[in-house]
């Protein structure tokens, strides 16, 4: 299942995204989650919490689903 995540800035780190999307409860949980859960960013395996993500990136999280990042458009 794909879910859109609206970004309010130009970029977000993978760790921040996991918290923002309510996948983990705190920053302390991110490291363990990344060690235990396969994640792909744009089709490539990723486990760095500092990985920068931008508009259009697709994050696939095993057991959770797909997140599609969209930049909020100014009004």
PDB file of N, CA and C in Angstrom:
ATOM      1  N   UNK A   1       0.833  -1.179   0.000  1.00  0.00           N
ATOM      2  CA  UNK A   1       0.000   0.000   0.000  1.00  0.00           C
ATOM      3  C   UNK A   1       0.880   1.246   0.000  1.00  0.00           C
ATOM      4  N   UNK A   2       0.603   2.181  -0.874  1.00  0.00           N
ATOM      5  CA  UNK A   2       1.390   3.412  -0.970  1.00  0.00           C
ATOM      6  C   UNK A   2       0.692   4.530  -0.205  1.00  0.00           C
ATOM      7  N   UNK A   3       1.499   5.332   0.457  1.00  0.00           N
ATOM      8  CA  UNK A   3       0.985   6.463   1.222  1.00  0.00           C
ATOM      9  C   UNK A   3       1.831   7.685   0.889  1.00  0.00           C
ATOM     10  N   UNK A   4       1.188   8.795   0.595  1.00  0.00           N
ATOM     11  CA  UNK A   4       1.925  10.029   0.323  1.00  0.00           C
ATOM     12  C   UNK A   4       2.267  10.716   1.635  1.00  0.00           C
ATOM     13  N   UNK A   5       3.495  11.225   1.700  1.00  0.00           N
ATOM     14  CA  UNK A   5       3.935  12.007   2.847  1.00  0.00           C
ATOM     15  C   UNK A   5       4.280  13.388   2.315  1.00  0.00           C
ATOM     16  N   UNK A   6       3.606  14.398   2.832  1.00  0.00           N
ATOM     17  CA  UNK A   6       3.811  15.775   2.375  1.00  0.00           C
ATOM     18  C   UNK A   6       4.959  16.405   3.150  1.00  0.00           C
ATOM     19  N   UNK A   7       5.956  16.878   2.420  1.00  0.00           N
ATOM     20  CA  UNK A   7       7.107  17.550   3.025  1.00  0.00           C
ATOM     21  C   UNK A   7       6.851  19.051   3.098  1.00  0.00           C
ATOM     22  N   UNK A   8       7.274  19.660   4.189  1.00  0.00           N
ATOM     23  CA  UNK A   8       7.127  21.115   4.302  1.00  0.00           C
ATOM     24  C   UNK A   8       8.457  21.821   4.059  1.00  0.00           C
ATOM     25  N   UNK A   9       9.511  21.038   3.851  1.00  0.00           N
ATOM     26  CA  UNK A   9      10.816  21.606   3.511  1.00  0.00           C
ATOM     27  C   UNK A   9      11.353  20.873   2.286  1.00  0.00           C
ATOM     28  N   UNK A  10      12.492  21.310   1.788  1.00  0.00           N
ATOM     29  CA  UNK A  10      13.059  20.713   0.576  1.00  0.00           C
ATOM     30  C   UNK A  10      13.562  19.283   0.785  1.00  0.00           C
ATOM     31  N   UNK A  11      13.985  18.974   2.017  1.00  0.00           N
ATOM     32  CA  UNK A  11      14.500  17.640   2.272  1.00  0.00           C
ATOM     33  C   UNK A  11      14.239  17.237   3.717  1.00  0.00           C
ATOM     34  N   UNK A  12      14.333  15.932   3.952  1.00  0.00           N
ATOM     35  CA  UNK A  12      14.148  15.358   5.276  1.00  0.00           C
ATOM     36  C   UNK A  12      15.060  14.145   5.345  1.00  0.00           C
ATOM     37  N   UNK A  13      15.592  13.845   6.518  1.00  0.00           N
ATOM     38  CA  UNK A  13      16.420  12.647   6.632  1.00  0.00           C
ATOM     39  C   UNK A  13      15.517  11.428   6.827  1.00  0.00           C
ATOM     40  N   UNK A  14      16.063  10.262   6.562  1.00  0.00           N
ATOM     41  CA  UNK A  14      15.309   9.032   6.727  1.00  0.00           C
ATOM     42  C   UNK A  14      14.842   8.881   8.172  1.00  0.00           C
ATOM     43  N   UNK A  15      15.710   9.193   9.121  1.00  0.00           N
ATOM     44  CA  UNK A  15      15.335   9.106  10.536  1.00  0.00           C
ATOM     45  C   UNK A  15      14.189  10.044  10.877  1.00  0.00           C
ATOM     46  N   UNK A  16      14.246  11.266  10.373  1.00  0.00           N
ATOM     47  CA  UNK A  16      13.171  12.231  10.610  1.00  0.00           C
ATOM     48  C   UNK A  16      11.870  11.756   9.971  1.00  0.00           C
ATOM     49  N   UNK A  17      11.956  11.182   8.776  1.00  0.00           N
ATOM     50  CA  UNK A  17      10.774  10.685   8.091  1.00  0.00           C
ATOM     51  C   UNK A  17      10.093   9.586   8.897  1.00  0.00           C
ATOM     52  N   UNK A  18      10.880   8.674   9.446  1.00  0.00           N
ATOM     53  CA  UNK A  18      10.311   7.586  10.227  1.00  0.00           C
ATOM     54  C   UNK A  18       9.538   8.118  11.432  1.00  0.00           C
ATOM     55  N   UNK A  19      10.046   9.178  12.056  1.00  0.00           N
ATOM     56  CA  UNK A  19       9.323   9.797  13.178  1.00  0.00           C
ATOM     57  C   UNK A  19       8.104  10.565  12.673  1.00  0.00           C
ATOM     58  N   UNK A  20       8.277  11.359  11.620  1.00  0.00           N
ATOM     59  CA  UNK A  20       7.212  12.200  11.059  1.00  0.00           C
ATOM     60  C   UNK A  20       6.021  11.361  10.591  1.00  0.00           C
ATOM     61  N   UNK A  21       6.298  10.183  10.041  1.00  0.00           N
ATOM     62  CA  UNK A  21       5.246   9.299   9.524  1.00  0.00           C
ATOM     63  C   UNK A  21       4.715   8.356  10.607  1.00  0.00           C
ATOM     64  N   UNK A  22       5.119   8.579  11.858  1.00  0.00           N
ATOM     65  CA  UNK A  22       4.672   7.774  13.005  1.00  0.00           C
ATOM     66  C   UNK A  22       4.994   6.293  12.871  1.00  0.00           C
ATOM     67  N   UNK A  23       6.150   5.993  12.293  1.00  0.00           N
ATOM     68  CA  UNK A  23       6.590   4.605  12.169  1.00  0.00           C
ATOM     69  C   UNK A  23       7.395   4.214  13.412  1.00  0.00           C
ATOM     70  N   UNK A  24       8.143   5.173  13.945  1.00  0.00           N
ATOM     71  CA  UNK A  24       8.826   4.997  15.231  1.00  0.00           C
ATOM     72  C   UNK A  24       8.379   6.128  16.146  1.00  0.00           C
ATOM     73  N   UNK A  25       8.491   5.897  17.438  1.00  0.00           N
ATOM     74  CA  UNK A  25       8.017   6.888  18.396  1.00  0.00           C
ATOM     75  C   UNK A  25       9.036   7.951  18.745  1.00  0.00           C
ATOM     76  N   UNK A  26      10.325   7.609  18.644  1.00  0.00           N
ATOM     77  CA  UNK A  26      11.353   8.577  19.038  1.00  0.00           C
ATOM     78  C   UNK A  26      12.619   8.373  18.219  1.00  0.00           C
ATOM     79  N   UNK A  27      13.480   9.354  18.301  1.00  0.00           N
ATOM     80  CA  UNK A  27      14.749   9.271  17.579  1.00  0.00           C
ATOM     81  C   UNK A  27      15.606   8.119  18.065  1.00  0.00           C
ATOM     82  N   UNK A  28      15.473   7.777  19.343  1.00  0.00           N
ATOM     83  CA  UNK A  28      16.236   6.670  19.894  1.00  0.00           C
ATOM     84  C   UNK A  28      15.857   5.324  19.292  1.00  0.00           C
ATOM     85  N   UNK A  29      14.641   5.210  18.809  1.00  0.00           N
ATOM     86  CA  UNK A  29      14.172   3.963  18.211  1.00  0.00           C
ATOM     87  C   UNK A  29      14.635   3.801  16.764  1.00  0.00           C
ATOM     88  N   UNK A  30      15.027   4.889  16.128  1.00  0.00           N
ATOM     89  CA  UNK A  30      15.358   4.864  14.705  1.00  0.00           C
ATOM     90  C   UNK A  30      16.512   3.915  14.404  1.00  0.00           C
ATOM     91  N   UNK A  31      17.589   4.009  15.169  1.00  0.00           N
ATOM     92  CA  UNK A  31      18.772   3.195  14.907  1.00  0.00           C
ATOM     93  C   UNK A  31      18.436   1.701  14.936  1.00  0.00           C
ATOM     94  N   UNK A  32      17.725   1.267  15.973  1.00  0.00           N
ATOM     95  CA  UNK A  32      17.345  -0.136  16.087  1.00  0.00           C
ATOM     96  C   UNK A  32      16.410  -0.537  14.955  1.00  0.00           C
ATOM     97  N   UNK A  33      15.447   0.312  14.649  1.00  0.00           N
ATOM     98  CA  UNK A  33      14.499   0.024  13.573  1.00  0.00           C
ATOM     99  C   UNK A  33      15.235  -0.181  12.255  1.00  0.00           C
ATOM    100  N   UNK A  34      16.205   0.679  11.963  1.00  0.00           N
ATOM    101  CA  UNK A  34      16.955   0.567  10.708  1.00  0.00           C
ATOM    102  C   UNK A  34      17.822  -0.682  10.666  1.00  0.00           C
ATOM    103  N   UNK A  35      18.297  -1.132  11.812  1.00  0.00           N
ATOM    104  CA  UNK A  35      19.103  -2.361  11.859  1.00  0.00           C
ATOM    105  C   UNK A  35      18.245  -3.604  11.651  1.00  0.00           C
ATOM    106  N   UNK A  36      16.984  -3.533  12.077  1.00  0.00           N
ATOM    107  CA  UNK A  36      16.126  -4.714  12.056  1.00  0.00           C
ATOM    108  C   UNK A  36      15.164  -4.782  10.873  1.00  0.00           C
ATOM    109  N   UNK A  37      14.941  -3.658  10.197  1.00  0.00           N
ATOM    110  CA  UNK A  37      13.906  -3.597   9.166  1.00  0.00           C
ATOM    111  C   UNK A  37      14.496  -3.252   7.805  1.00  0.00           C
ATOM    112  N   UNK A  38      14.308  -4.095   6.808  1.00  0.00           N
ATOM    113  CA  UNK A  38      14.784  -3.766   5.459  1.00  0.00           C
ATOM    114  C   UNK A  38      14.032  -2.554   4.892  1.00  0.00           C
ATOM    115  N   UNK A  39      14.806  -1.595   4.389  1.00  0.00           N
ATOM    116  CA  UNK A  39      14.246  -0.383   3.783  1.00  0.00           C
ATOM    117  C   UNK A  39      14.931  -0.160   2.449  1.00  0.00           C
ATOM    118  N   UNK A  40      14.142   0.251   1.464  1.00  0.00           N
ATOM    119  CA  UNK A  40      14.678   0.594   0.147  1.00  0.00           C
ATOM    120  C   UNK A  40      14.260   2.019  -0.176  1.00  0.00           C
ATOM    121  N   UNK A  41      15.214   2.791  -0.682  1.00  0.00           N
ATOM    122  CA  UNK A  41      14.930   4.159  -1.135  1.00  0.00           C
ATOM    123  C   UNK A  41      15.167   4.181  -2.636  1.00  0.00           C
ATOM    124  N   UNK A  42      14.121   4.478  -3.380  1.00  0.00           N
ATOM    125  CA  UNK A  42      14.195   4.475  -4.842  1.00  0.00           C
ATOM    126  C   UNK A  42      14.785   3.163  -5.376  1.00  0.00           C
ATOM    127  N   UNK A  43      14.393   2.054  -4.725  1.00  0.00           N
ATOM    128  CA  UNK A  43      14.806   0.735  -5.185  1.00  0.00           C
ATOM    129  C   UNK A  43      16.132   0.236  -4.643  1.00  0.00           C
ATOM    130  N   UNK A  44      16.866   1.056  -3.894  1.00  0.00           N
ATOM    131  CA  UNK A  44      18.170   0.659  -3.365  1.00  0.00           C
ATOM    132  C   UNK A  44      18.096   0.473  -1.855  1.00  0.00           C
ATOM    133  N   UNK A  45      18.729  -0.589  -1.342  1.00  0.00           N
ATOM    134  CA  UNK A  45      18.745  -0.846   0.095  1.00  0.00           C
ATOM    135  C   UNK A  45      19.365   0.348   0.827  1.00  0.00           C
ATOM    136  N   UNK A  46      18.778   0.704   1.969  1.00  0.00           N
ATOM    137  CA  UNK A  46      19.263   1.858   2.738  1.00  0.00           C
ATOM    138  C   UNK A  46      19.089   1.598   4.222  1.00  0.00           C
ATOM    139  N   UNK A  47      20.109   1.959   5.013  1.00  0.00           N
ATOM    140  CA  UNK A  47      20.001   1.836   6.465  1.00  0.00           C
ATOM    141  C   UNK A  47      20.621   3.026   7.200  1.00  0.00           C
ATOM    142  N   UNK A  48      20.920   4.092   6.475  1.00  0.00           N
ATOM    143  CA  UNK A  48      21.510   5.290   7.097  1.00  0.00           C
ATOM    144  C   UNK A  48      20.398   6.254   7.512  1.00  0.00           C
ATOM    145  N   UNK A  49      20.317   6.555   8.799  1.00  0.00           N
ATOM    146  CA  UNK A  49      19.250   7.453   9.247  1.00  0.00           C
ATOM    147  C   UNK A  49      19.447   8.866   8.734  1.00  0.00           C
ATOM    148  N   UNK A  50      20.654   9.224   8.345  1.00  0.00           N
ATOM    149  CA  UNK A  50      20.935  10.559   7.841  1.00  0.00           C
ATOM    150  C   UNK A  50      20.725  10.717   6.338  1.00  0.00           C
ATOM    151  N   UNK A  51      20.315   9.655   5.664  1.00  0.00           N
ATOM    152  CA  UNK A  51      20.077   9.721   4.211  1.00  0.00           C
ATOM    153  C   UNK A  51      19.075  10.828   3.908  1.00  0.00           C
ATOM    154  N   UNK A  52      19.451  11.748   3.038  1.00  0.00           N
ATOM    155  CA  UNK A  52      18.576  12.865   2.677  1.00  0.00           C
ATOM    156  C   UNK A  52      17.546  12.406   1.650  1.00  0.00           C
ATOM    157  N   UNK A  53      16.298  12.757   1.904  1.00  0.00           N
ATOM    158  CA  UNK A  53      15.194  12.412   1.026  1.00  0.00           C
ATOM    159  C   UNK A  53      14.549  13.688   0.514  1.00  0.00           C
ATOM    160  N   UNK A  54      14.068  13.639  -0.717  1.00  0.00           N
ATOM    161  CA  UNK A  54      13.493  14.825  -1.360  1.00  0.00           C
ATOM    162  C   UNK A  54      12.197  14.471  -2.079  1.00  0.00           C
ATOM    163  N   UNK A  55      11.559  15.495  -2.605  1.00  0.00           N
ATOM    164  CA  UNK A  55      10.322  15.346  -3.370  1.00  0.00           C
ATOM    165  C   UNK A  55      10.482  14.260  -4.436  1.00  0.00           C
ATOM    166  N   UNK A  56       9.528  13.347  -4.480  1.00  0.00           N
ATOM    167  CA  UNK A  56       9.543  12.292  -5.494  1.00  0.00           C
ATOM    168  C   UNK A  56      10.216  11.006  -5.066  1.00  0.00           C
ATOM    169  N   UNK A  57      10.965  11.030  -3.957  1.00  0.00           N
ATOM    170  CA  UNK A  57      11.611   9.805  -3.491  1.00  0.00           C
ATOM    171  C   UNK A  57      10.549   8.806  -3.016  1.00  0.00           C
ATOM    172  N   UNK A  58      10.849   7.526  -3.201  1.00  0.00           N
ATOM    173  CA  UNK A  58       9.947   6.453  -2.774  1.00  0.00           C
ATOM    174  C   UNK A  58      10.693   5.607  -1.752  1.00  0.00           C
ATOM    175  N   UNK A  59      10.096   5.469  -0.572  1.00  0.00           N
ATOM    176  CA  UNK A  59      10.693   4.701   0.513  1.00  0.00           C
ATOM    177  C   UNK A  59       9.816   3.479   0.762  1.00  0.00           C
ATOM    178  N   UNK A  60      10.410   2.289   0.606  1.00  0.00           N
ATOM    179  CA  UNK A  60       9.687   1.045   0.833  1.00  0.00           C
ATOM    180  C   UNK A  60      10.184   0.427   2.134  1.00  0.00           C
ATOM    181  N   UNK A  61       9.259   0.174   3.052  1.00  0.00           N
ATOM    182  CA  UNK A  61       9.602  -0.348   4.368  1.00  0.00           C
ATOM    183  C   UNK A  61       8.955  -1.714   4.530  1.00  0.00           C
ATOM    184  N   UNK A  62       9.786  -2.721   4.758  1.00  0.00           N
ATOM    185  CA  UNK A  62       9.289  -4.099   4.888  1.00  0.00           C
ATOM    186  C   UNK A  62       8.246  -4.174   6.004  1.00  0.00           C
ATOM    187  N   UNK A  63       7.113  -4.800   5.698  1.00  0.00           N
ATOM    188  CA  UNK A  63       6.064  -4.988   6.674  1.00  0.00           C
ATOM    189  C   UNK A  63       5.179  -3.781   6.905  1.00  0.00           C
ATOM    190  N   UNK A  64       5.539  -2.636   6.297  1.00  0.00           N
ATOM    191  CA  UNK A  64       4.757  -1.410   6.502  1.00  0.00           C
ATOM    192  C   UNK A  64       4.175  -0.901   5.196  1.00  0.00           C
ATOM    193  N   UNK A  65       5.007  -0.814   4.175  1.00  0.00           N
ATOM    194  CA  UNK A  65       4.514  -0.358   2.885  1.00  0.00           C
ATOM    195  C   UNK A  65       5.412   0.685   2.251  1.00  0.00           C
ATOM    196  N   UNK A  66       4.836   1.415   1.324  1.00  0.00           N
ATOM    197  CA  UNK A  66       5.576   2.367   0.504  1.00  0.00           C
ATOM    198  C   UNK A  66       5.155   3.790   0.852  1.00  0.00           C
ATOM    199  N   UNK A  67       6.156   4.662   1.033  1.00  0.00           N
ATOM    200  CA  UNK A  67       5.917   6.079   1.271  1.00  0.00           C
ATOM    201  C   UNK A  67       6.425   6.848   0.061  1.00  0.00           C
ATOM    202  N   UNK A  68       5.581   7.719  -0.471  1.00  0.00           N
ATOM    203  CA  UNK A  68       5.964   8.549  -1.604  1.00  0.00           C
ATOM    204  C   UNK A  68       6.039   9.986  -1.089  1.00  0.00           C
ATOM    205  N   UNK A  69       7.212  10.606  -1.226  1.00  0.00           N
ATOM    206  CA  UNK A  69       7.398  11.951  -0.703  1.00  0.00           C
ATOM    207  C   UNK A  69       6.970  12.995  -1.712  1.00  0.00           C
ATOM    208  N   UNK A  70       6.184  13.940  -1.264  1.00  0.00           N
ATOM    209  CA  UNK A  70       5.703  15.037  -2.094  1.00  0.00           C
ATOM    210  C   UNK A  70       5.991  16.351  -1.386  1.00  0.00           C
ATOM    211  N   UNK A  71       6.518  17.298  -2.103  1.00  0.00           N
ATOM    212  CA  UNK A  71       6.806  18.631  -1.544  1.00  0.00           C
ATOM    213  C   UNK A  71       5.524  19.437  -1.552  1.00  0.00           C
ATOM    214  N   UNK A  72       5.217  20.044  -0.415  1.00  0.00           N
ATOM    215  CA  UNK A  72       4.051  20.911  -0.314  1.00  0.00           C
ATOM    216  C   UNK A  72       4.219  22.095  -1.260  1.00  0.00           C
ATOM    217  N   UNK A  73       3.225  22.347  -2.055  1.00  0.00           N
ATOM    218  CA  UNK A  73       3.289  23.450  -3.026  1.00  0.00           C
ATOM    219  C   UNK A  73       2.850  24.758  -2.360  1.00  0.00           C
ATOM    220  N   UNK A  74       3.609  25.833  -2.546  1.00  0.00           N
ATOM    221  CA  UNK A  74       3.222  27.115  -1.954  1.00  0.00           C
ATOM    222  C   UNK A  74       1.902  27.603  -2.537  1.00  0.00           C
ATOM    223  N   UNK A  75       1.135  28.273  -1.707  1.00  0.00           N
ATOM    224  CA  UNK A  75      -0.179  28.766  -2.139  1.00  0.00           C
ATOM    225  C   UNK A  75      -0.055  30.092  -2.835  1.00  0.00           C
TER     226      UNK A  75
END
